[in-house]
C-alpha atoms as a PDB file:
ATOM      1  CA  MET A   1     114.763 130.944 102.312  1.00  0.00           C
ATOM      2  CA  LEU A   2     111.583 129.308 101.014  1.00  0.00           C
ATOM      3  CA  HIS A   3     113.436 128.031  97.960  1.00  0.00           C
ATOM      4  CA  SER A   4     116.079 126.371 100.125  1.00  0.00           C
ATOM      5  CA  LYS A   5     113.460 124.661 102.295  1.00  0.00           C
ATOM      6  CA  THR A   6     111.572 123.393  99.251  1.00  0.00           C
ATOM      7  CA  MET A   7     114.739 122.038  97.666  1.00  0.00           C
ATOM      8  CA  THR A   8     115.641 120.233 100.903  1.00  0.00           C
ATOM      9  CA  GLN A   9     112.184 118.661 101.081  1.00  0.00           C
ATOM     10  CA  VAL A  10     112.344 117.510  97.468  1.00  0.00           C
ATOM     11  CA  LEU A  11     115.838 116.098  97.964  1.00  0.00           C
ATOM     12  CA  LEU A  12     114.786 114.149 101.071  1.00  0.00           C
ATOM     13  CA  LEU A  13     111.663 112.859  99.298  1.00  0.00           C
ATOM     14  CA  LEU A  14     113.743 111.629  96.351  1.00  0.00           C
ATOM     15  CA  LEU A  15     116.299 110.076  98.682  1.00  0.00           C
ATOM     16  CA  GLY A  16     113.563 108.235 100.583  1.00  0.00           C
ATOM     17  CA  GLY A  17     112.055 106.977  97.336  1.00  0.00           C
ATOM     18  CA  ALA A  18     115.467 105.777  96.175  1.00  0.00           C
ATOM     19  CA  MET A  19     115.931 103.877  99.438  1.00  0.00           C
ATOM     20  CA  VAL A  20     112.537 102.217  99.074  1.00  0.00           C
ATOM     21  CA  LEU A  21     113.335 101.188  95.504  1.00  0.00           C
ATOM     22  CA  PHE A  22     116.725  99.844  96.568  1.00  0.00           C
ATOM     23  CA  GLY A  23     115.073  97.744  99.273  1.00  0.00           C
ATOM     24  CA  VAL A  24     112.552  96.359  96.789  1.00  0.00           C
ATOM     25  CA  TRP A  25     115.362  95.602  94.331  1.00  0.00           C
ATOM     26  CA  ARG A  26     117.209  93.635  97.043  1.00  0.00           C
ATOM     27  CA  GLY A  27     114.071  91.625  97.862  1.00  0.00           C
ATOM     28  CA  GLU A  28     113.554  93.147 101.290  1.00  0.00           C
ATOM     29  CA  ALA A  29     109.822  93.668 100.722  1.00  0.00           C
ATOM     30  CA  GLY A  30     109.163  89.966 101.270  1.00  0.00           C
ATOM     31  CA  VAL A  31     111.224  89.928 104.456  1.00  0.00           C
ATOM     32  CA  VAL A  32     109.370  92.936 105.866  1.00  0.00           C
ATOM     33  CA  LEU A  33     106.003  91.427 104.944  1.00  0.00           C
ATOM     34  CA  SER A  34     106.804  88.107 106.610  1.00  0.00           C
ATOM     35  CA  LYS A  35     107.956  89.879 109.789  1.00  0.00           C
ATOM     36  CA  ALA A  36     104.805  92.013 109.807  1.00  0.00           C
ATOM     37  CA  ILE A  37     102.608  88.926 109.459  1.00  0.00           C
ATOM     38  CA  ARG A  38     104.485  87.164 112.252  1.00  0.00           C
ATOM     39  CA  LEU A  39     104.140  90.209 114.521  1.00  0.00           C
ATOM     40  CA  CYS A  40     100.405  90.503 113.859  1.00  0.00           C
ATOM     41  CA  MET A  41      99.885  86.802 114.537  1.00  0.00           C
ATOM     42  CA  GLU A  42     101.687  87.132 117.867  1.00  0.00           C
ATOM     43  CA  CYS A  43      99.611  90.166 118.870  1.00  0.00           C
ATOM     44  CA  VAL A  44      96.365  88.350 118.100  1.00  0.00           C
ATOM     45  CA  GLY A  45      97.613  85.236 119.850  1.00  0.00           C
ATOM     46  CA  ILE A  46      97.339  82.840 116.920  1.00  0.00           C
ATOM     47  CA  GLY A  47     101.047  82.209 116.394  1.00  0.00           C
END
């Protein structure tokens, strides 16, 4: 039982890492950063 749970956790961790790398490869990091900056500026009231 413990082995199965550990394998599931490792698989999900690797899958999440692969998704992050795929997003970076597609250039989505810049899009996310620009949206985060815009959101923060709106919350502060500057933008």
